[in-house]
């Protein structure tokens, strides 16, 4: 399970020290807050979304000749 924290009067929570150390969180760092099926998720905001997303989906192109794929795709536009 997890560590129990209390919600303060201004709806603030303290992230426990052990968790802060694991994710290398520092004062003034920004967090993204999401609600997923009733669960609140805190995610450290990436310094660069571009760097975070580089390489995503590369497995899709693993066995595909990209030049041939593009050639067929462009031909379909005509």
N, C-alpha and C. Protein backbone atom coordinates (compact mmCIF):
# COMPACT_ATOMS: atom_id res chain seq x y z
N UNK A 1 0.86 -1.19 0.00
CA UNK A 1 0.00 0.00 0.00
C UNK A 1 0.88 1.22 0.00
N UNK A 2 0.35 2.36 0.34
CA UNK A 2 1.11 3.60 0.32
C UNK A 2 1.23 4.22 1.69
N UNK A 3 1.69 5.43 1.72
CA UNK A 3 1.85 6.19 2.95
C UNK A 3 0.63 7.09 3.09
N UNK A 4 0.09 7.18 4.29
CA UNK A 4 -1.08 8.03 4.53
C UNK A 4 -0.64 9.46 4.80
N UNK A 5 -1.28 10.41 4.11
CA UNK A 5 -1.05 11.83 4.37
C UNK A 5 -2.42 12.48 4.55
N UNK A 6 -2.44 13.61 5.22
CA UNK A 6 -3.70 14.32 5.44
C UNK A 6 -3.79 15.51 4.50
N UNK A 7 -5.02 15.81 4.10
CA UNK A 7 -5.29 17.00 3.30
C UNK A 7 -5.50 18.15 4.27
N UNK A 8 -4.72 19.23 4.07
CA UNK A 8 -4.81 20.39 4.95
C UNK A 8 -6.02 21.25 4.64
N UNK A 9 -6.23 22.31 5.42
CA UNK A 9 -7.39 23.17 5.23
C UNK A 9 -7.42 23.88 3.87
N UNK A 10 -6.27 24.03 3.24
CA UNK A 10 -6.21 24.63 1.90
C UNK A 10 -6.06 23.54 0.83
N UNK A 11 -6.43 22.31 1.16
CA UNK A 11 -6.36 21.16 0.26
C UNK A 11 -4.93 20.83 -0.16
N UNK A 12 -3.97 21.14 0.70
CA UNK A 12 -2.58 20.83 0.42
C UNK A 12 -2.21 19.51 1.07
N UNK A 13 -1.29 18.79 0.44
CA UNK A 13 -0.74 17.57 1.03
C UNK A 13 0.77 17.68 1.01
N UNK A 14 1.42 17.03 1.96
CA UNK A 14 2.87 16.99 2.01
C UNK A 14 3.31 15.67 1.40
N UNK A 15 4.21 15.74 0.42
CA UNK A 15 4.74 14.53 -0.19
C UNK A 15 5.85 14.03 0.72
N UNK A 16 5.74 12.79 1.21
CA UNK A 16 6.72 12.27 2.16
C UNK A 16 8.15 12.32 1.62
N UNK A 17 9.11 12.49 2.52
CA UNK A 17 10.51 12.65 2.16
C UNK A 17 11.03 11.49 1.32
N UNK A 18 10.67 10.27 1.67
CA UNK A 18 11.14 9.11 0.92
C UNK A 18 10.71 9.16 -0.53
N UNK A 19 9.47 9.59 -0.77
CA UNK A 19 8.96 9.70 -2.14
C UNK A 19 9.67 10.84 -2.86
N UNK A 20 9.84 11.98 -2.17
CA UNK A 20 10.53 13.13 -2.79
C UNK A 20 11.93 12.74 -3.25
N UNK A 21 12.61 11.97 -2.43
CA UNK A 21 13.98 11.55 -2.78
C UNK A 21 13.97 10.59 -3.98
N UNK A 22 13.01 9.67 -3.99
CA UNK A 22 12.94 8.69 -5.09
C UNK A 22 12.74 9.36 -6.43
N UNK A 23 11.91 10.42 -6.47
CA UNK A 23 11.62 11.07 -7.75
C UNK A 23 12.42 12.36 -7.93
N UNK A 24 13.36 12.62 -7.03
CA UNK A 24 14.24 13.79 -7.11
C UNK A 24 13.42 15.08 -7.23
N UNK A 25 12.48 15.25 -6.30
CA UNK A 25 11.59 16.41 -6.28
C UNK A 25 12.17 17.49 -5.38
N UNK A 26 12.14 18.74 -5.85
CA UNK A 26 12.71 19.86 -5.10
C UNK A 26 11.67 20.97 -4.97
N UNK A 27 11.86 21.88 -3.98
CA UNK A 27 10.95 23.02 -3.85
C UNK A 27 10.87 23.79 -5.16
N UNK A 28 9.71 24.26 -5.50
CA UNK A 28 9.39 25.02 -6.71
C UNK A 28 9.27 24.16 -7.97
N UNK A 29 9.55 22.84 -7.88
CA UNK A 29 9.29 21.97 -9.03
C UNK A 29 7.79 21.92 -9.26
N UNK A 30 7.38 21.74 -10.50
CA UNK A 30 5.96 21.68 -10.81
C UNK A 30 5.52 20.23 -10.96
N UNK A 31 4.25 19.98 -10.61
CA UNK A 31 3.67 18.65 -10.71
C UNK A 31 2.43 18.74 -11.59
N UNK A 32 2.17 17.68 -12.33
CA UNK A 32 0.92 17.55 -13.07
C UNK A 32 -0.04 16.75 -12.20
N UNK A 33 -1.29 17.18 -12.13
CA UNK A 33 -2.30 16.50 -11.31
C UNK A 33 -3.38 15.96 -12.24
N UNK A 34 -3.65 14.68 -12.13
CA UNK A 34 -4.68 14.03 -12.94
C UNK A 34 -5.62 13.24 -12.04
N UNK A 35 -6.84 13.12 -12.48
CA UNK A 35 -7.81 12.23 -11.82
C UNK A 35 -8.11 11.13 -12.83
N UNK A 36 -7.85 9.90 -12.41
CA UNK A 36 -8.09 8.75 -13.28
C UNK A 36 -8.98 7.77 -12.52
N UNK A 37 -10.22 7.65 -12.97
CA UNK A 37 -11.19 6.74 -12.32
C UNK A 37 -11.26 6.94 -10.81
N UNK A 38 -11.32 8.20 -10.38
CA UNK A 38 -11.46 8.50 -8.96
C UNK A 38 -10.16 8.49 -8.18
N UNK A 39 -9.03 8.28 -8.84
CA UNK A 39 -7.73 8.24 -8.18
C UNK A 39 -6.96 9.50 -8.58
N UNK A 40 -6.40 10.19 -7.60
CA UNK A 40 -5.60 11.39 -7.87
C UNK A 40 -4.16 10.95 -8.10
N UNK A 41 -3.60 11.38 -9.22
CA UNK A 41 -2.23 11.01 -9.59
C UNK A 41 -1.40 12.28 -9.72
N UNK A 42 -0.26 12.32 -9.04
CA UNK A 42 0.68 13.44 -9.14
C UNK A 42 1.89 12.96 -9.94
N UNK A 43 2.25 13.72 -10.97
CA UNK A 43 3.37 13.35 -11.82
C UNK A 43 4.31 14.56 -11.92
N UNK A 44 5.61 14.37 -11.68
CA UNK A 44 6.52 15.51 -11.86
C UNK A 44 6.44 16.02 -13.30
N UNK A 45 6.29 17.32 -13.46
CA UNK A 45 6.19 17.90 -14.80
C UNK A 45 7.57 17.81 -15.46
N UNK A 46 7.62 17.22 -16.66
CA UNK A 46 8.92 17.11 -17.34
C UNK A 46 9.48 18.47 -17.69
N UNK A 47 10.80 18.59 -17.66
CA UNK A 47 11.46 19.83 -18.05
C UNK A 47 11.17 20.11 -19.53
N UNK A 48 11.10 19.02 -20.34
CA UNK A 48 10.83 19.15 -21.77
C UNK A 48 9.93 17.99 -22.21
N UNK A 49 8.73 18.32 -22.66
CA UNK A 49 7.83 17.28 -23.15
C UNK A 49 8.39 16.66 -24.43
N UNK A 50 9.13 17.46 -25.21
CA UNK A 50 9.72 16.95 -26.44
C UNK A 50 10.71 15.83 -26.14
N UNK A 51 11.61 16.08 -25.20
CA UNK A 51 12.60 15.06 -24.84
C UNK A 51 11.92 13.82 -24.25
N UNK A 52 10.86 14.03 -23.49
CA UNK A 52 10.13 12.91 -22.89
C UNK A 52 9.51 12.01 -23.96
N UNK A 53 9.04 12.60 -25.05
CA UNK A 53 8.31 11.84 -26.06
C UNK A 53 9.19 11.30 -27.19
N UNK A 54 10.45 11.68 -27.23
CA UNK A 54 11.34 11.17 -28.28
C UNK A 54 11.40 9.65 -28.18
N UNK A 55 11.13 8.99 -29.29
CA UNK A 55 11.22 7.54 -29.34
C UNK A 55 9.93 6.81 -29.03
N UNK A 56 8.89 7.53 -28.58
CA UNK A 56 7.62 6.86 -28.31
C UNK A 56 7.07 6.28 -29.61
N UNK A 57 6.65 5.06 -29.59
CA UNK A 57 6.05 4.43 -30.74
C UNK A 57 7.04 3.88 -31.75
N UNK A 58 8.33 3.91 -31.42
CA UNK A 58 9.32 3.44 -32.40
C UNK A 58 9.17 1.95 -32.71
N UNK A 59 8.59 1.20 -31.77
CA UNK A 59 8.41 -0.25 -32.01
C UNK A 59 7.40 -0.51 -33.13
N UNK A 60 6.54 0.46 -33.41
CA UNK A 60 5.55 0.32 -34.48
C UNK A 60 6.25 0.17 -35.83
N UNK A 61 7.38 0.85 -36.00
CA UNK A 61 8.09 0.87 -37.28
C UNK A 61 9.18 -0.19 -37.36
N UNK A 62 9.25 -1.06 -36.38
CA UNK A 62 10.35 -2.04 -36.26
C UNK A 62 10.56 -2.85 -37.55
N UNK A 63 9.53 -3.45 -38.09
CA UNK A 63 9.67 -4.33 -39.26
C UNK A 63 9.12 -3.70 -40.54
N UNK A 64 9.06 -2.37 -40.59
CA UNK A 64 8.49 -1.69 -41.75
C UNK A 64 9.57 -0.86 -42.43
N UNK A 65 9.64 -0.98 -43.75
CA UNK A 65 10.53 -0.13 -44.55
C UNK A 65 9.84 1.23 -44.68
N UNK A 66 10.35 2.21 -43.96
CA UNK A 66 9.70 3.52 -43.88
C UNK A 66 9.59 4.18 -45.26
N UNK A 67 10.65 4.11 -46.05
CA UNK A 67 10.62 4.74 -47.38
C UNK A 67 9.54 4.11 -48.26
N UNK A 68 9.42 2.79 -48.22
CA UNK A 68 8.40 2.10 -49.01
C UNK A 68 7.00 2.46 -48.50
N UNK A 69 6.83 2.51 -47.19
CA UNK A 69 5.55 2.88 -46.60
C UNK A 69 5.13 4.28 -47.06
N UNK A 70 6.07 5.24 -46.97
CA UNK A 70 5.75 6.61 -47.38
C UNK A 70 5.42 6.68 -48.86
N UNK A 71 6.13 5.92 -49.68
CA UNK A 71 5.86 5.92 -51.11
C UNK A 71 4.43 5.45 -51.39
N UNK A 72 4.01 4.36 -50.74
CA UNK A 72 2.65 3.84 -50.92
C UNK A 72 1.61 4.84 -50.40
N UNK A 73 1.90 5.43 -49.26
CA UNK A 73 0.97 6.39 -48.66
C UNK A 73 0.78 7.60 -49.58
N UNK A 74 1.86 8.12 -50.11
CA UNK A 74 1.77 9.28 -51.01
C UNK A 74 1.06 8.95 -52.30
N UNK A 75 1.23 7.74 -52.79
CA UNK A 75 0.53 7.32 -54.00
C UNK A 75 -0.97 7.25 -53.77
N UNK A 76 -1.38 6.93 -52.55
CA UNK A 76 -2.80 6.84 -52.25
C UNK A 76 -3.49 8.20 -52.22
N UNK A 77 -2.72 9.27 -52.14
CA UNK A 77 -3.28 10.61 -52.09
C UNK A 77 -3.76 11.07 -53.47
N UNK A 78 -3.27 10.43 -54.51
CA UNK A 78 -3.59 10.88 -55.88
C UNK A 78 -4.98 10.49 -56.29
